[in-house]
């Protein structure tokens, strides 16, 4: 099955919202990690989201190129071909584009989709994220409105963020937790109303509201999540504008979050959860084990010749693929998307 069409992606989000579940969104950097995500979604019988950051795109383009948009296009094209062999729906998304990279990252990718559509092909990407959370809300919404209009013309969903997700992830704009005031870590109902009133009617969008969430891993007690923030905001917006105003919310910084806290957010309208730190570790951990266990095979120690079967990259990269797939299946289970693919139904 090819990557989800815009209509199928919209149906995925609608199904998640109605069914109180969410899709894991995994950041990928290579064909190996794309295949890991596809394996997980297929094995879990879950639809899902594959996304690329500016850092991931730059990495994928190669050391001599270093072009984030070009690398993201390469990964997306590969995902389109690879997804044809799987019987689940997968959407392609880009993660955390700061305002300073809109012209060099997001807009070229929107253009790539527009060119495909003109040629009678499907969208290259189904959604993009603008992370203008470092701007005052009024400026954030001004840029969000501009980009949402462009996205809507190409049946692309825009993800926006208001508030600050602490920490740092894959080059994403964030902040050290001790330097972020609570007013930024917790999006207010007033801010959520302002977002709705600024963007309503311009096109479909997702909203990454902040409720104390951070990128990366922290020891127990360091992260103080308040999922009720999401409920308070949703209630404020729906009280004023009705049930149809309910946000499609996004949970950033989902790695390491206890399952009961993940589940609570699902009842408040979260339909997408980003996962990157956990999958990076899930990729590296089995590779590290392979290196330690096969030290004298992967290295030519004391004049020996080593063991080609041990240092062949395929020997350990497939272990990384399996590790990521296993972690992503757990994410599908935690977010209750397992067994709920709408493939073949829309």
C-alpha atoms as a PDB file:
ATOM      1  CA  UNK A   1       0.000   0.000   0.000  1.00  0.00           C
ATOM      2  CA  UNK A   2       1.389   3.433  -0.849  1.00  0.00           C
ATOM      3  CA  UNK A   3       1.740   6.134   1.780  1.00  0.00           C
ATOM      4  CA  UNK A   4      -1.658   7.395   2.981  1.00  0.00           C
ATOM      5  CA  UNK A   5      -3.487   9.874   0.780  1.00  0.00           C
ATOM      6  CA  UNK A   6      -4.568  13.184   2.343  1.00  0.00           C
ATOM      7  CA  UNK A   7      -8.096  11.777   2.727  1.00  0.00           C
ATOM      8  CA  UNK A   8      -6.775   8.609   4.374  1.00  0.00           C
ATOM      9  CA  UNK A   9      -4.578  10.618   6.716  1.00  0.00           C
ATOM     10  CA  UNK A  10      -7.543  12.748   7.743  1.00  0.00           C
ATOM     11  CA  UNK A  11      -9.514   9.546   8.356  1.00  0.00           C
ATOM     12  CA  UNK A  12      -6.659   8.194  10.486  1.00  0.00           C
ATOM     13  CA  UNK A  13      -6.734  11.273  12.714  1.00  0.00           C
ATOM     14  CA  UNK A  14     -10.528  11.216  12.904  1.00  0.00           C
ATOM     15  CA  UNK A  15     -10.490   7.545  13.925  1.00  0.00           C
ATOM     16  CA  UNK A  16      -7.904   8.196  16.630  1.00  0.00           C
ATOM     17  CA  UNK A  17      -9.842  11.149  17.992  1.00  0.00           C
ATOM     18  CA  UNK A  18     -13.093   9.209  18.063  1.00  0.00           C
ATOM     19  CA  UNK A  19     -11.490   6.069  19.497  1.00  0.00           C
ATOM     20  CA  UNK A  20      -9.308   7.734  22.163  1.00  0.00           C
ATOM     21  CA  UNK A  21      -6.023   6.426  20.810  1.00  0.00           C
ATOM     22  CA  UNK A  22      -2.966   8.000  19.217  1.00  0.00           C
ATOM     23  CA  UNK A  23      -0.345   7.192  16.601  1.00  0.00           C
ATOM     24  CA  UNK A  24       3.335   6.854  17.417  1.00  0.00           C
ATOM     25  CA  UNK A  25       5.382   9.246  15.271  1.00  0.00           C
ATOM     26  CA  UNK A  26       8.975   8.088  14.917  1.00  0.00           C
ATOM     27  CA  UNK A  27      11.856  10.216  13.673  1.00  0.00           C
ATOM     28  CA  UNK A  28      13.870   8.384  11.018  1.00  0.00           C
ATOM     29  CA  UNK A  29      17.287   9.036   9.517  1.00  0.00           C
ATOM     30  CA  UNK A  30      17.889   6.098   7.180  1.00  0.00           C
ATOM     31  CA  UNK A  31      16.332   3.228   5.244  1.00  0.00           C
ATOM     32  CA  UNK A  32      17.103   0.986   8.226  1.00  0.00           C
ATOM     33  CA  UNK A  33      14.996   3.111  10.588  1.00  0.00           C
ATOM     34  CA  UNK A  34      12.218   3.484   8.007  1.00  0.00           C
ATOM     35  CA  UNK A  35      12.073  -0.300   7.698  1.00  0.00           C
ATOM     36  CA  UNK A  36      12.044  -0.624  11.491  1.00  0.00           C
ATOM     37  CA  UNK A  37       9.013   1.672  11.706  1.00  0.00           C
ATOM     38  CA  UNK A  38       7.194  -0.146   8.907  1.00  0.00           C
ATOM     39  CA  UNK A  39       7.908  -3.519  10.513  1.00  0.00           C
ATOM     40  CA  UNK A  40       6.537  -2.307  13.832  1.00  0.00           C
ATOM     41  CA  UNK A  41       3.365  -0.839  12.375  1.00  0.00           C
ATOM     42  CA  UNK A  42       2.776  -3.947  10.279  1.00  0.00           C
ATOM     43  CA  UNK A  43       3.416  -6.363  13.153  1.00  0.00           C
ATOM     44  CA  UNK A  44       1.194  -4.335  15.490  1.00  0.00           C
ATOM     45  CA  UNK A  45      -1.474  -3.888  12.793  1.00  0.00           C
ATOM     46  CA  UNK A  46      -1.366  -0.198  13.572  1.00  0.00           C
ATOM     47  CA  UNK A  47      -1.312   2.793  11.279  1.00  0.00           C
ATOM     48  CA  UNK A  48       1.416   5.283  12.096  1.00  0.00           C
ATOM     49  CA  UNK A  49       3.499   8.319  11.288  1.00  0.00           C
ATOM     50  CA  UNK A  50       7.076   8.489  10.048  1.00  0.00           C
ATOM     51  CA  UNK A  51       8.781  11.839  10.379  1.00  0.00           C
ATOM     52  CA  UNK A  52      12.027  13.587   9.498  1.00  0.00           C
ATOM     53  CA  UNK A  53      13.666  16.489  11.285  1.00  0.00           C
ATOM     54  CA  UNK A  54      15.998  19.053   9.785  1.00  0.00           C
ATOM     55  CA  UNK A  55      18.881  17.209  11.461  1.00  0.00           C
ATOM     56  CA  UNK A  56      17.683  13.862  10.137  1.00  0.00           C
ATOM     57  CA  UNK A  57      17.361  15.250   6.628  1.00  0.00           C
ATOM     58  CA  UNK A  58      20.811  16.786   6.749  1.00  0.00           C
ATOM     59  CA  UNK A  59      22.294  13.488   7.940  1.00  0.00           C
ATOM     60  CA  UNK A  60      20.485  11.493   5.250  1.00  0.00           C
ATOM     61  CA  UNK A  61      21.811  13.763   2.485  1.00  0.00           C
ATOM     62  CA  UNK A  62      25.407  12.733   3.238  1.00  0.00           C
ATOM     63  CA  UNK A  63      28.480  14.458   4.623  1.00  0.00           C
ATOM     64  CA  UNK A  64      29.367  16.197   1.354  1.00  0.00           C
ATOM     65  CA  UNK A  65      25.864  17.589   0.796  1.00  0.00           C
ATOM     66  CA  UNK A  66      24.388  18.486   4.190  1.00  0.00           C
ATOM     67  CA  UNK A  67      21.056  19.634   2.730  1.00  0.00           C
ATOM     68  CA  UNK A  68      18.161  19.028   5.140  1.00  0.00           C
ATOM     69  CA  UNK A  69      15.370  19.424   2.582  1.00  0.00           C
ATOM     70  CA  UNK A  70      17.106  17.241  -0.006  1.00  0.00           C
ATOM     71  CA  UNK A  71      17.767  14.507   2.549  1.00  0.00           C
ATOM     72  CA  UNK A  72      14.151  14.598   3.735  1.00  0.00           C
ATOM     73  CA  UNK A  73      12.973  14.185   0.141  1.00  0.00           C
ATOM     74  CA  UNK A  74      15.285  11.183  -0.317  1.00  0.00           C
ATOM     75  CA  UNK A  75      13.914   9.567   2.854  1.00  0.00           C
ATOM     76  CA  UNK A  76      10.326  10.327   1.856  1.00  0.00           C
ATOM     77  CA  UNK A  77      10.755   8.859  -1.622  1.00  0.00           C
ATOM     78  CA  UNK A  78      12.255   5.719  -0.092  1.00  0.00           C
ATOM     79  CA  UNK A  79       9.383   5.475   2.392  1.00  0.00           C
ATOM     80  CA  UNK A  80       6.842   5.705  -0.443  1.00  0.00           C
ATOM     81  CA  UNK A  81       8.408   2.714  -2.174  1.00  0.00           C
ATOM     82  CA  UNK A  82       8.979   0.643   0.951  1.00  0.00           C
ATOM     83  CA  UNK A  83       5.464   1.246   2.300  1.00  0.00           C
ATOM     84  CA  UNK A  84       3.983  -0.426  -0.770  1.00  0.00           C
ATOM     85  CA  UNK A  85       4.914  -3.795   0.738  1.00  0.00           C
ATOM     86  CA  UNK A  86       2.948  -3.258   3.956  1.00  0.00           C
ATOM     87  CA  UNK A  87      -0.763  -3.483   4.711  1.00  0.00           C
ATOM     88  CA  UNK A  88      -1.124  -0.511   7.038  1.00  0.00           C
ATOM     89  CA  UNK A  89      -1.491   3.212   6.445  1.00  0.00           C
ATOM     90  CA  UNK A  90       1.530   5.398   7.096  1.00  0.00           C
ATOM     91  CA  UNK A  91       1.738   9.172   6.878  1.00  0.00           C
ATOM     92  CA  UNK A  92       4.922  11.184   6.320  1.00  0.00           C
ATOM     93  CA  UNK A  93       5.580  14.226   8.462  1.00  0.00           C
ATOM     94  CA  UNK A  94       8.411  16.661   9.140  1.00  0.00           C
ATOM     95  CA  UNK A  95       9.321  17.597  12.691  1.00  0.00           C
ATOM     96  CA  UNK A  96      10.337  20.857  14.388  1.00  0.00           C
ATOM     97  CA  UNK A  97      11.024  23.336  11.621  1.00  0.00           C
ATOM     98  CA  UNK A  98      12.035  26.609  13.307  1.00  0.00           C
ATOM     99  CA  UNK A  99      11.052  29.932  11.700  1.00  0.00           C
ATOM    100  CA  UNK A 100      14.606  30.538  10.471  1.00  0.00           C
ATOM    101  CA  UNK A 101      14.467  27.337   8.379  1.00  0.00           C
ATOM    102  CA  UNK A 102      11.002  27.719   6.863  1.00  0.00           C
ATOM    103  CA  UNK A 103      12.433  29.050   3.594  1.00  0.00           C
ATOM    104  CA  UNK A 104      15.124  26.383   3.274  1.00  0.00           C
ATOM    105  CA  UNK A 105      13.288  23.348   4.693  1.00  0.00           C
ATOM    106  CA  UNK A 106       9.513  23.498   4.890  1.00  0.00           C
ATOM    107  CA  UNK A 107       8.724  25.552   1.798  1.00  0.00           C
ATOM    108  CA  UNK A 108      10.933  23.446  -0.534  1.00  0.00           C
ATOM    109  CA  UNK A 109       9.162  20.333   0.779  1.00  0.00           C
ATOM    110  CA  UNK A 110       5.730  21.869   0.227  1.00  0.00           C
ATOM    111  CA  UNK A 111       6.897  22.744  -3.290  1.00  0.00           C
ATOM    112  CA  UNK A 112       7.995  19.141  -3.836  1.00  0.00           C
ATOM    113  CA  UNK A 113       4.502  17.967  -2.921  1.00  0.00           C
ATOM    114  CA  UNK A 114       2.908  20.600  -5.170  1.00  0.00           C
ATOM    115  CA  UNK A 115       5.026  19.433  -8.102  1.00  0.00           C
ATOM    116  CA  UNK A 116       4.021  15.815  -7.513  1.00  0.00           C
ATOM    117  CA  UNK A 117       0.363  16.806  -7.408  1.00  0.00           C
ATOM    118  CA  UNK A 118       0.707  18.716 -10.678  1.00  0.00           C
ATOM    119  CA  UNK A 119       2.159  15.551 -12.205  1.00  0.00           C
ATOM    120  CA  UNK A 120      -0.856  13.531 -11.041  1.00  0.00           C
ATOM    121  CA  UNK A 121       0.954  11.832  -8.161  1.00  0.00           C
ATOM    122  CA  UNK A 122       0.140  11.744  -4.457  1.00  0.00           C
ATOM    123  CA  UNK A 123       1.534  14.063  -1.826  1.00  0.00           C
ATOM    124  CA  UNK A 124       5.172  13.563  -0.907  1.00  0.00           C
ATOM    125  CA  UNK A 125       4.371  14.601   2.682  1.00  0.00           C
ATOM    126  CA  UNK A 126       1.031  14.593   4.453  1.00  0.00           C
ATOM    127  CA  UNK A 127       1.948  17.050   7.204  1.00  0.00           C
ATOM    128  CA  UNK A 128       4.668  19.415   8.383  1.00  0.00           C
ATOM    129  CA  UNK A 129       5.464  20.959  11.741  1.00  0.00           C
ATOM    130  CA  UNK A 130       6.226  24.602  12.315  1.00  0.00           C
ATOM    131  CA  UNK A 131       7.910  25.107  15.681  1.00  0.00           C
ATOM    132  CA  UNK A 132       7.563  28.841  16.256  1.00  0.00           C
ATOM    133  CA  UNK A 133       7.131  28.377  19.992  1.00  0.00           C
ATOM    134  CA  UNK A 134      10.153  30.610  20.611  1.00  0.00           C
ATOM    135  CA  UNK A 135       8.194  33.569  19.198  1.00  0.00           C
ATOM    136  CA  UNK A 136       5.547  35.595  21.020  1.00  0.00           C
ATOM    137  CA  UNK A 137       2.179  33.948  20.421  1.00  0.00           C
ATOM    138  CA  UNK A 138       0.958  36.727  18.121  1.00  0.00           C
ATOM    139  CA  UNK A 139       4.000  36.365  15.859  1.00  0.00           C
ATOM    140  CA  UNK A 140       3.749  32.575  16.064  1.00  0.00           C
ATOM    141  CA  UNK A 141       0.143  32.701  14.855  1.00  0.00           C
ATOM    142  CA  UNK A 142       0.955  35.166  12.079  1.00  0.00           C
ATOM    143  CA  UNK A 143       3.513  32.773  10.599  1.00  0.00           C
ATOM    144  CA  UNK A 144       1.285  29.766  11.301  1.00  0.00           C
ATOM    145  CA  UNK A 145      -1.594  31.362   9.386  1.00  0.00           C
ATOM    146  CA  UNK A 146       0.641  32.074   6.394  1.00  0.00           C
ATOM    147  CA  UNK A 147       1.925  28.511   6.228  1.00  0.00           C
ATOM    148  CA  UNK A 148      -1.436  26.886   6.970  1.00  0.00           C
ATOM    149  CA  UNK A 149      -2.935  28.611   3.928  1.00  0.00           C
ATOM    150  CA  UNK A 150      -0.116  27.302   1.717  1.00  0.00           C
ATOM    151  CA  UNK A 151      -0.416  23.816   3.193  1.00  0.00           C
ATOM    152  CA  UNK A 152      -4.193  23.715   2.796  1.00  0.00           C
ATOM    153  CA  UNK A 153      -3.873  24.383  -0.942  1.00  0.00           C
ATOM    154  CA  UNK A 154      -1.926  21.129  -1.204  1.00  0.00           C
ATOM    155  CA  UNK A 155      -4.011  19.070   1.262  1.00  0.00           C
ATOM    156  CA  UNK A 156      -1.190  19.149   3.788  1.00  0.00           C
ATOM    157  CA  UNK A 157      -1.888  19.303   7.521  1.00  0.00           C
ATOM    158  CA  UNK A 158       0.190  21.782   9.509  1.00  0.00           C
ATOM    159  CA  UNK A 159       1.302  21.025  13.049  1.00  0.00           C
ATOM    160  CA  UNK A 160       1.970  24.054  15.239  1.00  0.00           C
ATOM    161  CA  UNK A 161       3.241  24.510  18.786  1.00  0.00           C
ATOM    162  CA  UNK A 162       2.528  27.086  21.475  1.00  0.00           C
ATOM    163  CA  UNK A 163       4.525  26.940  24.680  1.00  0.00           C
ATOM    164  CA  UNK A 164       7.959  25.416  25.151  1.00  0.00           C
ATOM    165  CA  UNK A 165       8.885  21.744  25.270  1.00  0.00           C
ATOM    166  CA  UNK A 166      11.979  21.589  27.467  1.00  0.00           C
ATOM    167  CA  UNK A 167      15.173  19.752  26.618  1.00  0.00           C
ATOM    168  CA  UNK A 168      16.679  19.180  23.184  1.00  0.00           C
ATOM    169  CA  UNK A 169      15.903  16.553  20.591  1.00  0.00           C
ATOM    170  CA  UNK A 170      17.652  15.988  17.273  1.00  0.00           C
ATOM    171  CA  UNK A 171      18.541  19.657  16.941  1.00  0.00           C
ATOM    172  CA  UNK A 172      14.998  20.739  17.800  1.00  0.00           C
ATOM    173  CA  UNK A 173      14.530  24.099  19.458  1.00  0.00           C
ATOM    174  CA  UNK A 174      14.000  23.542  23.139  1.00  0.00           C
ATOM    175  CA  UNK A 175      15.278  24.824  26.435  1.00  0.00           C
ATOM    176  CA  UNK A 176      17.013  23.611  29.544  1.00  0.00           C
ATOM    177  CA  UNK A 177      14.304  22.810  32.053  1.00  0.00           C
ATOM    178  CA  UNK A 178      15.698  25.040  34.804  1.00  0.00           C
ATOM    179  CA  UNK A 179      15.649  28.047  32.454  1.00  0.00           C
ATOM    180  CA  UNK A 180      12.024  27.698  31.352  1.00  0.00           C
ATOM    181  CA  UNK A 181       9.322  29.449  33.408  1.00  0.00           C
ATOM    182  CA  UNK A 182       6.142  27.513  34.187  1.00  0.00           C
ATOM    183  CA  UNK A 183       4.201  29.970  32.038  1.00  0.00           C
ATOM    184  CA  UNK A 184       5.998  28.530  29.013  1.00  0.00           C
ATOM    185  CA  UNK A 185       5.970  24.860  30.008  1.00  0.00           C
ATOM    186  CA  UNK A 186       2.183  24.846  30.476  1.00  0.00           C
ATOM    187  CA  UNK A 187      -0.020  26.217  27.691  1.00  0.00           C
ATOM    188  CA  UNK A 188      -2.907  28.205  29.158  1.00  0.00           C
ATOM    189  CA  UNK A 189      -6.591  27.921  28.181  1.00  0.00           C
ATOM    190  CA  UNK A 190      -6.320  31.533  26.982  1.00  0.00           C
ATOM    191  CA  UNK A 191      -3.470  30.598  24.659  1.00  0.00           C
ATOM    192  CA  UNK A 192      -5.441  27.633  23.330  1.00  0.00           C
ATOM    193  CA  UNK A 193      -8.401  29.894  22.615  1.00  0.00           C
ATOM    194  CA  UNK A 194      -6.084  32.301  20.812  1.00  0.00           C
ATOM    195  CA  UNK A 195      -4.707  29.491  18.664  1.00  0.00           C
ATOM    196  CA  UNK A 196      -8.175  28.304  17.695  1.00  0.00           C
ATOM    197  CA  UNK A 197      -9.396  31.806  16.874  1.00  0.00           C
ATOM    198  CA  UNK A 198      -6.311  32.525  14.755  1.00  0.00           C
ATOM    199  CA  UNK A 199      -6.371  29.327  12.698  1.00  0.00           C
ATOM    200  CA  UNK A 200     -10.015  28.264  12.526  1.00  0.00           C
ATOM    201  CA  UNK A 201     -11.276  27.911   8.980  1.00  0.00           C
ATOM    202  CA  UNK A 202      -7.900  28.173   7.248  1.00  0.00           C
ATOM    203  CA  UNK A 203      -7.191  24.448   6.939  1.00  0.00           C
ATOM    204  CA  UNK A 204      -6.662  21.378   9.066  1.00  0.00           C
ATOM    205  CA  UNK A 205      -3.956  21.547  11.680  1.00  0.00           C
ATOM    206  CA  UNK A 206      -2.616  19.723  14.723  1.00  0.00           C
ATOM    207  CA  UNK A 207      -1.628  21.490  17.903  1.00  0.00           C
ATOM    208  CA  UNK A 208       1.314  20.644  20.151  1.00  0.00           C
ATOM    209  CA  UNK A 209       0.203  22.249  23.395  1.00  0.00           C
ATOM    210  CA  UNK A 210       2.662  21.972  26.276  1.00  0.00           C
ATOM    211  CA  UNK A 211       1.865  20.473  29.657  1.00  0.00           C
ATOM    212  CA  UNK A 212       5.290  20.163  31.261  1.00  0.00           C
ATOM    213  CA  UNK A 213       6.604  17.722  28.660  1.00  0.00           C
ATOM    214  CA  UNK A 214      10.278  17.662  27.695  1.00  0.00           C
ATOM    215  CA  UNK A 215      12.473  16.094  25.048  1.00  0.00           C
ATOM    216  CA  UNK A 216      14.893  13.399  26.111  1.00  0.00           C
ATOM    217  CA  UNK A 217      15.117  11.238  29.248  1.00  0.00           C
ATOM    218  CA  UNK A 218      15.095  12.478  32.793  1.00  0.00           C
ATOM    219  CA  UNK A 219      15.260  10.718  36.144  1.00  0.00           C
ATOM    220  CA  UNK A 220      11.993  10.128  38.032  1.00  0.00           C
ATOM    221  CA  UNK A 221      10.626  13.325  39.554  1.00  0.00           C
ATOM    222  CA  UNK A 222      12.434  15.688  37.179  1.00  0.00           C
ATOM    223  CA  UNK A 223       9.521  15.932  34.769  1.00  0.00           C
ATOM    224  CA  UNK A 224       6.207  17.160  36.140  1.00  0.00           C
ATOM    225  CA  UNK A 225       3.569  16.417  33.554  1.00  0.00           C
ATOM    226  CA  UNK A 226       0.136  17.966  33.922  1.00  0.00           C
ATOM    227  CA  UNK A 227      -2.117  16.298  31.335  1.00  0.00           C
ATOM    228  CA  UNK A 228      -5.069  18.151  32.887  1.00  0.00           C
ATOM    229  CA  UNK A 229      -3.705  21.264  31.138  1.00  0.00           C
ATOM    230  CA  UNK A 230      -4.892  19.714  27.870  1.00  0.00           C
ATOM    231  CA  UNK A 231      -8.358  19.073  29.269  1.00  0.00           C
ATOM    232  CA  UNK A 232      -8.686  22.604  30.617  1.00  0.00           C
ATOM    233  CA  UNK A 233      -7.763  24.054  27.234  1.00  0.00           C
ATOM    234  CA  UNK A 234     -10.016  21.741  25.264  1.00  0.00           C
ATOM    235  CA  UNK A 235     -12.906  22.474  27.623  1.00  0.00           C
ATOM    236  CA  UNK A 236     -12.423  26.230  27.263  1.00  0.00           C
ATOM    237  CA  UNK A 237     -12.412  26.079  23.470  1.00  0.00           C
ATOM    238  CA  UNK A 238     -15.357  23.684  23.169  1.00  0.00           C
ATOM    239  CA  UNK A 239     -17.400  25.625  25.732  1.00  0.00           C
ATOM    240  CA  UNK A 240     -17.125  28.716  23.557  1.00  0.00           C
ATOM    241  CA  UNK A 241     -17.178  27.176  20.067  1.00  0.00           C
ATOM    242  CA  UNK A 242     -18.739  23.728  20.418  1.00  0.00           C
ATOM    243  CA  UNK A 243     -17.573  20.121  20.060  1.00  0.00           C
ATOM    244  CA  UNK A 244     -16.387  20.700  16.497  1.00  0.00           C
ATOM    245  CA  UNK A 245     -13.653  22.979  17.873  1.00  0.00           C
ATOM    246  CA  UNK A 246     -11.861  20.114  19.628  1.00  0.00           C
ATOM    247  CA  UNK A 247      -8.139  20.130  18.855  1.00  0.00           C
ATOM    248  CA  UNK A 248      -6.154  17.261  17.350  1.00  0.00           C
ATOM    249  CA  UNK A 249      -3.379  17.443  19.934  1.00  0.00           C
ATOM    250  CA  UNK A 250       0.222  16.248  19.706  1.00  0.00           C
ATOM    251  CA  UNK A 251       2.342  14.963  22.594  1.00  0.00           C
ATOM    252  CA  UNK A 252       5.996  15.933  22.169  1.00  0.00           C
ATOM    253  CA  UNK A 253       8.701  14.372  24.316  1.00  0.00           C
ATOM    254  CA  UNK A 254       6.897  11.054  24.783  1.00  0.00           C
ATOM    255  CA  UNK A 255      10.013   8.952  25.365  1.00  0.00           C
ATOM    256  CA  UNK A 256      10.222   7.613  28.904  1.00  0.00           C
ATOM    257  CA  UNK A 257       6.714   8.680  29.907  1.00  0.00           C
ATOM    258  CA  UNK A 258       4.883   6.181  32.173  1.00  0.00           C
ATOM    259  CA  UNK A 259       2.030   4.400  30.444  1.00  0.00           C
ATOM    260  CA  UNK A 260      -0.669   5.755  32.768  1.00  0.00           C
ATOM    261  CA  UNK A 261       0.329   9.330  31.884  1.00  0.00           C
ATOM    262  CA  UNK A 262       0.292   8.518  28.184  1.00  0.00           C
ATOM    263  CA  UNK A 263      -3.175   7.027  28.500  1.00  0.00           C
ATOM    264  CA  UNK A 264      -4.536  10.042  30.332  1.00  0.00           C
ATOM    265  CA  UNK A 265      -3.630  12.334  27.435  1.00  0.00           C
ATOM    266  CA  UNK A 266      -5.587  10.153  24.998  1.00  0.00           C
ATOM    267  CA  UNK A 267      -8.849  11.087  26.685  1.00  0.00           C
ATOM    268  CA  UNK A 268      -8.028  14.768  26.163  1.00  0.00           C
ATOM    269  CA  UNK A 269      -7.596  14.673  22.396  1.00  0.00           C
ATOM    270  CA  UNK A 270      -3.983  13.582  21.791  1.00  0.00           C
ATOM    271  CA  UNK A 271      -3.849  11.768  18.428  1.00  0.00           C
ATOM    272  CA  UNK A 272      -0.080  11.788  17.780  1.00  0.00           C
ATOM    273  CA  UNK A 273       2.890  11.196  20.066  1.00  0.00           C
ATOM    274  CA  UNK A 274       6.473  11.811  19.011  1.00  0.00           C
ATOM    275  CA  UNK A 275       9.036   9.205  20.007  1.00  0.00           C
ATOM    276  CA  UNK A 276      12.721   9.595  19.239  1.00  0.00           C
ATOM    277  CA  UNK A 277      14.993   9.282  22.279  1.00  0.00           C
ATOM    278  CA  UNK A 278      13.698   5.810  23.146  1.00  0.00           C
ATOM    279  CA  UNK A 279      14.061   4.577  19.587  1.00  0.00           C
ATOM    280  CA  UNK A 280      17.575   5.977  19.293  1.00  0.00           C
ATOM    281  CA  UNK A 281      18.549   3.941  22.339  1.00  0.00           C
ATOM    282  CA  UNK A 282      16.621   0.896  21.075  1.00  0.00           C
ATOM    283  CA  UNK A 283      18.686   1.106  17.886  1.00  0.00           C
ATOM    284  CA  UNK A 284      22.064   1.558  19.571  1.00  0.00           C
ATOM    285  CA  UNK A 285      21.711  -0.859  22.500  1.00  0.00           C
ATOM    286  CA  UNK A 286      21.796  -4.143  20.517  1.00  0.00           C
ATOM    287  CA  UNK A 287      24.543  -2.788  18.279  1.00  0.00           C
ATOM    288  CA  UNK A 288      26.664  -1.981  21.332  1.00  0.00           C
ATOM    289  CA  UNK A 289      26.034  -5.490  22.659  1.00  0.00           C
ATOM    290  CA  UNK A 290      27.156  -6.949  19.322  1.00  0.00           C
ATOM    291  CA  UNK A 291      30.375  -4.923  19.438  1.00  0.00           C
ATOM    292  CA  UNK A 292      31.205  -5.948  22.998  1.00  0.00           C
ATOM    293  CA  UNK A 293      30.427  -9.621  22.413  1.00  0.00           C
ATOM    294  CA  UNK A 294      32.352  -9.724  19.147  1.00  0.00           C
ATOM    295  CA  UNK A 295      35.211  -7.408  20.049  1.00  0.00           C
ATOM    296  CA  UNK A 296      37.915  -9.525  18.434  1.00  0.00           C
ATOM    297  CA  UNK A 297      35.708 -10.125  15.393  1.00  0.00           C
ATOM    298  CA  UNK A 298      34.746  -6.561  14.543  1.00  0.00           C
ATOM    299  CA  UNK A 299      38.343  -5.407  15.144  1.00  0.00           C
ATOM    300  CA  UNK A 300      41.558  -6.810  13.719  1.00  0.00           C
ATOM    301  CA  UNK A 301      43.173  -7.347  17.121  1.00  0.00           C
ATOM    302  CA  UNK A 302      46.892  -8.089  17.491  1.00  0.00           C
ATOM    303  CA  UNK A 303      47.478  -8.557  13.800  1.00  0.00           C
ATOM    304  CA  UNK A 304      44.550 -10.957  13.275  1.00  0.00           C
ATOM    305  CA  UNK A 305      42.079 -10.592  10.406  1.00  0.00           C
ATOM    306  CA  UNK A 306      38.862 -10.256  12.382  1.00  0.00           C
ATOM    307  CA  UNK A 307      35.573 -11.903  11.405  1.00  0.00           C
ATOM    308  CA  UNK A 308      33.876 -10.542   8.303  1.00  0.00           C
ATOM    309  CA  UNK A 309      30.517 -11.880   9.468  1.00  0.00           C
ATOM    310  CA  UNK A 310      30.883  -9.832  12.655  1.00  0.00           C
ATOM    311  CA  UNK A 311      31.984  -6.548  11.089  1.00  0.00           C
ATOM    312  CA  UNK A 312      29.676  -6.689   8.075  1.00  0.00           C
ATOM    313  CA  UNK A 313      27.359  -3.689   8.797  1.00  0.00           C
ATOM    314  CA  UNK A 314      24.333  -5.820   7.946  1.00  0.00           C
ATOM    315  CA  UNK A 315      25.136  -8.085  10.904  1.00  0.00           C
ATOM    316  CA  UNK A 316      24.525  -5.347  13.435  1.00  0.00           C
ATOM    317  CA  UNK A 317      22.243  -2.921  11.591  1.00  0.00           C
ATOM    318  CA  UNK A 318      19.541  -5.579  11.400  1.00  0.00           C
ATOM    319  CA  UNK A 319      19.813  -5.862  15.185  1.00  0.00           C
ATOM    320  CA  UNK A 320      19.192  -2.132  15.390  1.00  0.00           C
ATOM    321  CA  UNK A 321      16.180  -2.485  13.111  1.00  0.00           C
ATOM    322  CA  UNK A 322      14.770  -5.230  15.320  1.00  0.00           C
ATOM    323  CA  UNK A 323      15.393  -3.149  18.446  1.00  0.00           C
ATOM    324  CA  UNK A 324      13.563  -0.122  17.093  1.00  0.00           C
ATOM    325  CA  UNK A 325      10.672  -2.239  15.827  1.00  0.00           C
ATOM    326  CA  UNK A 326      10.251  -3.837  19.248  1.00  0.00           C
ATOM    327  CA  UNK A 327      10.165  -0.436  20.962  1.00  0.00           C
ATOM    328  CA  UNK A 328       7.686   0.925  18.428  1.00  0.00           C
ATOM    329  CA  UNK A 329       5.355  -2.040  18.944  1.00  0.00           C
ATOM    330  CA  UNK A 330       5.379  -1.179  22.638  1.00  0.00           C
ATOM    331  CA  UNK A 331       4.477   2.415  21.717  1.00  0.00           C
ATOM    332  CA  UNK A 332       1.539   1.186  19.632  1.00  0.00           C
ATOM    333  CA  UNK A 333       0.330  -0.830  22.604  1.00  0.00           C
ATOM    334  CA  UNK A 334       0.805   2.063  25.039  1.00  0.00           C
ATOM    335  CA  UNK A 335      -1.138   4.413  22.763  1.00  0.00           C
ATOM    336  CA  UNK A 336      -3.836   1.800  22.033  1.00  0.00           C
ATOM    337  CA  UNK A 337      -3.359   1.950  18.255  1.00  0.00           C
ATOM    338  CA  UNK A 338      -2.476  -1.754  17.952  1.00  0.00           C
ATOM    339  CA  UNK A 339      -4.925  -3.746  15.847  1.00  0.00           C
ATOM    340  CA  UNK A 340      -6.797  -0.619  14.752  1.00  0.00           C
ATOM    341  CA  UNK A 341      -5.485  -0.033  11.242  1.00  0.00           C
ATOM    342  CA  UNK A 342      -8.077   1.432   8.901  1.00  0.00           C
ATOM    343  CA  UNK A 343      -6.204   0.057   5.892  1.00  0.00           C
ATOM    344  CA  UNK A 344      -8.722  -1.138   3.313  1.00  0.00           C
ATOM    345  CA  UNK A 345     -11.588   0.690   5.024  1.00  0.00           C
ATOM    346  CA  UNK A 346     -11.079   4.158   3.543  1.00  0.00           C
END
